[in-house]
Protein backbone atom coordinates (compact mmCIF):
# COMPACT_ATOMS: atom_id res chain seq x y z
CA MET A 1 0.21 -0.37 -0.15
CA THR A 2 0.95 3.62 -0.84
CA TYR A 3 0.74 6.52 0.97
CA SER A 4 -1.49 8.27 -1.44
CA GLU A 5 -3.68 5.49 -0.87
CA TYR A 6 -4.51 6.42 3.10
CA GLU A 7 -6.12 10.08 2.02
CA THR A 8 -6.73 12.09 -1.08
CA PHE A 9 -5.87 14.88 -1.60
CA GLY A 10 -6.95 17.81 -3.67
CA VAL A 11 -5.13 20.89 -4.85
CA MET A 12 -2.17 21.65 -3.74
CA THR A 13 -0.94 25.36 -2.97
CA SER A 14 2.11 26.78 -3.89
CA GLY A 15 5.46 25.03 -2.87
CA GLU A 16 6.67 28.48 -2.03
CA ILE A 17 8.24 29.59 1.26
CA LYS A 18 6.57 32.46 2.10
CA LYS A 19 7.70 35.31 5.01
CA PRO A 20 6.16 35.07 8.42
CA PRO A 21 2.33 36.18 8.50
CA SER A 22 1.60 39.32 9.75
CA THR A 23 -2.07 38.21 10.12
CA ALA A 24 -3.60 35.75 13.00
CA SER A 25 -5.20 33.55 10.70
CA PRO A 26 -2.62 33.67 8.12
CA PRO A 27 -4.22 31.29 5.05
CA PRO A 28 -2.97 27.88 3.44
CA GLY A 29 0.54 28.04 2.59
CA ILE A 30 4.28 27.25 3.80
CA TYR A 31 6.16 29.83 5.88
CA ALA A 32 9.83 29.98 7.34
CA GLY A 33 11.17 32.27 10.71
CA VAL A 34 7.91 32.01 11.88
CA PRO A 35 8.37 32.56 15.95
CA ALA A 36 6.63 29.50 17.76
CA ALA A 37 4.47 31.85 20.21
CA GLN A 38 2.83 33.28 16.71
CA TYR A 39 2.44 30.16 15.19
CA HIS A 40 0.77 28.49 18.74
CA ALA A 41 -1.53 31.55 18.02
CA TRP A 42 -3.11 30.49 14.88
CA ARG A 43 -6.55 30.75 14.51
CA ASP A 44 -9.28 30.05 12.02
CA PRO A 45 -11.41 32.66 10.19
CA ASP A 46 -13.99 31.36 12.46
CA GLY A 47 -12.06 31.94 15.79
CA PHE A 48 -10.76 28.39 16.53
CA LEU A 49 -7.21 27.62 16.73
CA MET A 50 -5.97 26.18 14.27
CA VAL A 51 -5.99 22.16 14.06
CA SER A 52 -2.59 20.51 14.98
CA ALA A 53 -0.77 17.33 15.46
CA THR A 54 -1.44 18.13 19.71
CA ALA A 55 -4.43 19.48 19.18
CA LEU A 56 -5.92 16.51 18.51
CA LYS A 57 -3.87 14.63 21.21
CA GLN A 58 -5.92 16.65 23.21
CA PHE A 59 -9.46 15.36 21.69
CA ALA A 60 -8.01 12.31 21.30
CA LYS A 61 -8.60 12.14 25.93
CA SER A 62 -12.21 13.49 25.02
CA ALA A 63 -13.46 16.89 23.44
CA ALA A 64 -14.30 18.35 26.95
CA HIS A 65 -10.00 18.28 27.13
CA TYR A 66 -9.49 19.50 23.99
CA TRP A 67 -12.13 22.45 24.56
CA HIS A 68 -10.85 23.56 28.14
CA TRP A 69 -6.48 23.13 25.77
CA CYS A 70 -8.00 25.93 23.76
CA ASN A 71 -10.56 27.83 25.36
CA ASP A 72 -9.19 27.48 29.41
CA PRO A 73 -5.86 26.69 29.75
CA GLU A 74 -3.98 26.14 33.03
CA PRO A 75 -1.03 28.19 32.74
CA ALA A 76 2.13 26.44 30.53
CA GLN A 77 4.52 24.58 33.05
CA GLN A 78 7.20 23.45 31.34
CA SER A 79 9.51 20.49 33.10
CA ALA A 80 12.91 20.44 33.10
CA ALA A 81 13.23 17.90 30.04
CA MET A 82 11.09 20.02 27.83
CA ARG A 83 13.48 22.64 28.47
CA PHE A 84 16.06 20.47 28.03
CA GLY A 85 14.51 19.31 25.24
CA GLU A 86 13.84 22.26 23.24
CA LEU A 87 17.86 23.26 23.75
CA CYS A 88 18.71 20.66 22.11
CA HIS A 89 15.85 20.64 19.45
CA SER A 90 18.10 24.81 19.22
CA GLY A 91 21.30 23.72 19.17
CA SER A 92 21.13 20.93 16.86
CA LEU A 93 18.81 22.00 14.14
CA GLU A 94 19.26 25.87 14.22
CA PRO A 95 23.29 26.28 15.59
CA GLU A 96 23.20 29.88 14.38
CA ALA A 97 20.88 31.53 16.16
CA LEU A 98 21.58 29.70 19.19
CA GLU A 99 23.24 32.71 20.67
CA ASN A 100 20.67 35.03 20.23
CA THR A 101 17.55 32.67 21.35
CA ILE A 102 19.11 31.58 24.94
CA ALA A 103 21.52 33.00 27.40
CA VAL A 104 23.98 31.49 30.08
CA ILE A 105 23.65 32.35 33.28
CA PRO A 106 27.48 33.83 34.32
CA GLY A 107 29.24 32.17 36.59
CA ASP A 108 29.70 35.83 38.17
CA LEU A 109 26.13 36.29 38.80
CA TYR A 110 26.07 35.75 42.73
CA ASP A 111 30.09 37.60 43.12
CA LYS A 112 28.49 40.39 45.04
CA VAL A 113 25.73 38.46 47.33
CA ARG A 114 26.39 38.55 50.70
CA THR A 115 25.02 37.57 54.16
CA ARG A 116 24.26 39.64 56.74
CA THR A 117 26.74 40.03 58.67
CA GLY A 118 28.45 40.84 55.24
CA LYS A 119 29.94 36.99 54.33
CA VAL A 120 30.28 35.08 51.59
CA PRO A 121 27.44 32.51 52.02
CA ALA A 122 28.15 28.61 51.03
CA ASN A 123 25.23 28.40 48.69
CA PRO A 124 24.87 32.06 47.26
CA ALA A 125 21.89 30.60 44.57
CA ALA A 126 20.02 29.78 47.69
CA THR A 127 19.75 33.76 49.43
CA ASP A 128 16.99 35.51 49.66
CA GLU A 129 19.57 38.26 47.50
CA GLY A 130 20.80 35.29 45.08
CA ARG A 131 17.71 34.28 44.13
CA ALA A 132 16.75 38.59 43.52
CA VAL A 133 19.52 38.72 41.36
CA LEU A 134 18.99 35.76 39.43
CA ALA A 135 15.39 36.92 38.73
CA THR A 136 16.51 40.34 37.79
CA TRP A 137 18.87 38.57 35.99
CA GLU A 138 16.44 36.47 34.27
CA LYS A 139 14.31 39.05 33.35
CA LYS A 140 16.26 41.59 31.35
CA GLN A 141 17.78 38.49 29.34
CA ARG A 142 13.80 37.68 28.21
CA ALA A 143 13.29 40.97 27.43
CA LYS A 144 15.80 40.54 24.77
CA GLY A 145 14.06 37.17 23.70
CA ARG A 146 16.34 34.96 25.66
CA ARG A 147 15.70 31.86 27.02
CA PRO A 148 17.81 31.25 30.32
CA VAL A 149 19.34 27.99 30.86
CA THR A 150 22.27 27.27 33.40
CA GLU A 151 25.97 26.35 32.83
CA ALA A 152 25.43 22.80 33.06
CA GLU A 153 22.32 22.89 31.01
CA PHE A 154 24.48 24.12 27.89
CA ARG A 155 27.01 22.05 28.59
CA GLN A 156 25.28 19.10 28.62
CA SER A 157 23.28 19.99 25.17
CA LEU A 158 26.69 20.28 23.27
CA ASP A 159 27.52 16.60 24.27
CA VAL A 160 24.10 15.62 22.73
CA GLN A 161 24.95 17.32 19.63
CA LEU A 162 28.45 15.65 19.69
CA ALA A 163 26.41 12.92 19.63
CA LEU A 164 23.75 13.59 17.06
CA ARG A 165 27.01 14.65 14.71
CA THR A 166 28.84 11.94 15.46
CA HIS A 167 26.28 9.18 14.52
CA PRO A 168 26.24 8.35 10.55
CA GLU A 169 22.40 8.18 10.29
CA ALA A 170 21.39 10.53 12.49
CA ARG A 171 23.96 13.07 10.71
CA ALA A 172 22.02 11.94 7.04
CA MET A 173 18.74 12.86 8.52
CA LEU A 174 19.40 16.19 10.19
CA ALA A 175 21.25 17.82 6.94
CA ASP A 176 20.29 18.97 4.12
CA GLY A 177 16.47 20.23 4.13
CA PHE A 178 14.53 23.06 5.73
CA VAL A 179 13.93 23.88 9.33
CA GLU A 180 11.31 24.88 11.00
CA LEU A 181 8.77 25.40 8.48
CA SER A 182 4.81 25.87 8.75
CA ILE A 183 2.58 25.11 6.59
CA VAL A 184 -0.97 25.30 6.71
CA TRP A 185 -3.80 23.76 4.77
CA ASP A 186 -7.77 23.38 5.03
CA ASP A 187 -8.38 19.62 5.59
CA ILE A 188 -10.73 18.78 2.50
CA GLN A 189 -13.30 16.65 4.05
CA THR A 190 -13.96 18.82 7.11
CA GLY A 191 -13.11 22.20 6.17
CA MET A 192 -11.03 23.14 9.03
CA ARG A 193 -7.88 24.68 8.71
CA CYS A 194 -4.99 23.05 9.98
CA LYS A 195 -1.47 23.63 10.77
CA ALA A 196 1.74 21.74 11.65
CA ARG A 197 5.44 23.31 12.64
CA LEU A 198 8.15 20.25 10.86
CA ASP A 199 11.91 20.18 12.75
CA LEU A 200 13.28 19.68 9.36
CA TYR A 201 12.08 18.01 5.52
CA GLN A 202 14.64 16.86 3.57
CA PRO A 203 13.36 18.01 -0.50
CA GLY A 204 16.31 15.54 -1.80
CA HIS A 205 14.22 12.27 0.31
CA ASP A 206 10.97 13.68 0.13
CA ARG A 207 11.20 12.74 3.80
CA ALA A 208 9.84 14.87 6.98
CA VAL A 209 12.40 14.86 10.05
CA ASP A 210 11.14 14.91 13.76
CA LEU A 211 14.43 15.44 16.37
CA LYS A 212 12.75 14.01 20.24
CA THR A 213 15.06 13.74 23.55
CA CYS A 214 14.26 10.89 25.70
CA GLN A 215 15.49 8.06 28.14
CA ASP A 216 15.30 5.67 26.01
CA ALA A 217 16.85 5.72 22.45
CA SER A 218 16.94 2.14 21.66
CA PRO A 219 14.68 0.99 18.37
CA GLY A 220 12.92 -1.10 20.82
CA ALA A 221 11.79 1.17 23.87
CA PHE A 222 11.81 4.13 21.65
CA ALA A 223 9.11 2.46 19.23
CA GLY A 224 6.87 2.02 22.55
CA THR A 225 7.86 5.46 23.33
CA ILE A 226 5.91 6.42 19.23
CA ALA A 227 2.93 4.69 20.13
CA ARG A 228 2.68 5.65 23.61
CA TYR A 229 2.22 9.40 22.30
CA GLY A 230 1.04 9.64 19.39
CA TYR A 231 4.50 10.42 17.49
CA HIS A 232 2.67 7.98 14.32
CA LEU A 233 -0.52 10.41 14.54
CA GLN A 234 1.76 13.66 14.67
CA ALA A 235 3.65 11.90 11.72
CA ALA A 236 0.71 11.38 9.37
CA HIS A 237 -0.21 15.26 10.21
CA TYR A 238 2.64 16.75 9.18
CA VAL A 239 3.05 14.48 6.09
CA THR A 240 -0.91 15.06 4.85
CA GLY A 241 -0.20 18.77 5.32
CA MET A 242 2.98 18.60 3.53
CA ARG A 243 1.74 16.70 0.25
CA HIS A 244 -1.36 19.32 0.95
CA VAL A 245 1.22 22.81 0.19
CA GLY A 246 3.06 21.41 -2.50
CA TYR A 247 5.56 19.18 -1.08
CA ASP A 248 6.24 14.98 -2.09
CA ALA A 249 6.63 14.10 1.06
CA GLN A 250 6.30 10.02 1.43
CA ARG A 251 8.45 9.16 4.62
CA PHE A 252 9.05 10.42 8.00
CA GLY A 253 11.67 9.71 10.26
CA PHE A 254 12.83 10.17 13.98
CA VAL A 255 16.19 10.65 15.47
CA ALA A 256 15.85 10.09 18.48
CA VAL A 257 19.23 11.35 21.57
CA GLU A 258 18.76 10.34 25.39
CA SER A 259 19.55 13.72 27.21
CA LYS A 260 21.31 11.57 29.65
CA ARG A 261 24.78 10.43 29.61
CA PRO A 262 26.22 8.46 27.00
CA HIS A 263 23.38 10.21 24.82
CA GLY A 264 22.62 7.24 23.09
CA VAL A 265 21.56 7.43 19.70
CA SER A 266 19.21 5.97 16.87
CA ALA A 267 17.65 7.25 13.82
CA GLY A 268 15.22 5.26 11.80
CA GLU A 269 11.57 6.05 9.16
CA LEU A 270 8.09 4.90 10.38
CA SER A 271 6.89 2.38 8.55
CA VAL A 272 4.36 2.59 5.89
CA GLU A 273 2.16 0.22 8.28
CA ALA A 274 2.63 2.52 10.91
CA LEU A 275 2.18 6.11 9.18
CA GLY A 276 -1.19 4.23 7.72
CA THR A 277 -2.26 3.41 11.56
CA GLY A 278 -1.58 7.30 11.88
CA GLN A 279 -3.94 8.13 9.31
CA ARG A 280 -6.54 6.15 10.47
CA LEU A 281 -6.64 7.62 13.62
CA ARG A 282 -6.19 11.67 12.51
CA ARG A 283 -9.26 10.82 9.88
CA ARG A 284 -11.39 9.29 12.96
CA LEU A 285 -10.32 12.57 15.52
CA LEU A 286 -11.12 15.31 12.36
CA ASN A 287 -14.42 13.77 11.71
CA GLN A 288 -15.47 14.32 15.53
CA LEU A 289 -14.21 16.99 15.63
CA HIS A 290 -15.56 18.44 13.33
CA GLU A 291 -19.00 17.19 14.54
CA CYS A 292 -18.17 18.55 17.43
CA ARG A 293 -17.84 21.94 16.36
CA ASP A 294 -20.95 21.93 14.09
CA ARG A 295 -23.03 20.64 17.64
CA ASP A 296 -21.06 22.78 19.81
CA LYS A 297 -21.26 19.85 22.00
CA TRP A 298 -17.87 18.47 23.94
CA PRO A 299 -18.82 15.53 25.80
CA SER A 300 -16.21 13.86 28.28
CA TYR A 301 -15.29 10.24 28.34
CA GLN A 302 -17.42 8.04 27.00
CA PHE A 303 -17.62 4.83 28.52
CA ALA A 304 -20.66 2.92 29.77
CA GLY A 305 -19.21 -0.72 30.76
CA VAL A 306 -17.75 -2.36 33.35
CA TYR A 307 -14.29 -1.42 35.20
CA GLU A 308 -12.70 -4.47 36.19
CA LEU A 309 -9.27 -4.66 38.37
CA PRO A 310 -6.02 -4.51 36.37
CA ARG A 311 -4.07 -7.83 36.63
CA TRP A 312 -1.37 -7.23 39.41
CA ALA A 313 -4.59 -6.20 41.48
CA CYS A 314 -6.31 -9.44 41.43
CA ASP A 315 -5.84 -12.28 44.66
CA ASP A 316 -4.02 -14.74 42.82
CA ILE A 317 -1.65 -12.76 42.29
CA GLY A 318 -1.88 -9.76 45.02
CA GLY A 319 -0.87 -6.32 44.74
CA PRO A 320 1.37 -2.93 45.91
CA PHE A 321 -1.69 -1.98 48.42
CA GLN A 322 -1.03 0.75 50.94
CA PHE A 323 -2.85 1.33 54.07
C-alpha cells in the first residue's frame, strides 16, 4: 500500500516558502521564520485554534479536554526535560541562531551576594538576595528574547549535539533540508484549517524528520514511545500537510537521542503500516472534532462498561496495597 492510498488530496497550494505572516489567521501556505508563540496562537477564520497534531492528541483524550485546552488553558508549565529538549533541538537544528535565543547564567552572577553580616554565603544562589539577583538577570534576558539556561544544561546540550553529529544515520537525517517550516492547509473532508510545524524537511529525500530527546533511544524502546505519545499521529498530520502545500512528502523519520550520558542515538523511518495507522486515527479524530464543533457539544469520557481490576490487583497475584 502506498502513502497516497491513505488519503485523497485535492489541489495543492504553492510550494513557495513565504515570510512570516502578519495576520493571526494566515491563509494556506508554507512559512519560514515564524516565532513559536505566533505559530501557537494561529486561529482559523471562525476563531478556533487551527488543528495541530497537539490539538488532535488533546481531543483523543476527550472532547472536553480539547475544549479546555483551547479555551481555558492552565498556565504553561515546562518541565526540566522539556526545557532541555528545546535547548538540544535549537542547538542541533538552528545552531547559528542559538546565540540570540538563549543566555547562559554567568559564573560571576552571585559574586556580590553577601549575608547580613557581610560574609560570602556557602550557596549564594539559595539566599534571598541570590534569588533576587537571578530573577533580575532573567527578566533582562527575557526582555531581549533570550531564554536563560544554566551552564550545566548548556554543556550537556553540547554533548547531545556531539552525539548526533558523530552518529552517521542521525547526521544524514538532520542535514540538507528546510528547518522549522510552519504550514497551513484546509482539510478537504471537514474544511477545518490545519497547521503543522516541522523540525526538518528534506526535499531530496521526500522526507520530514523529527528530533526527539528521550530516556531510552534503543529502537525497541523508542517504538513504544512512538505509540505511547502518538508520534505516528503527528507524523501522519505532518505528511498530510506537506503534500497539501506542494511537497511530495513520502517518508517520515525520527532521530531519537537520550538526554543522559552516554547520549545514545537511534535514527530511522516510520513504517508505511505505522503511518497508515496514524492516518486512520487522524481521520477519525478530525471527523469527530468537526462534529463537536458543528453541535457545540464537548463531552467527556464516553464509557458505559464495567470496571475491572488490573491484573496485578487480583487475589491470586496480590498487589502493592497501601493502607
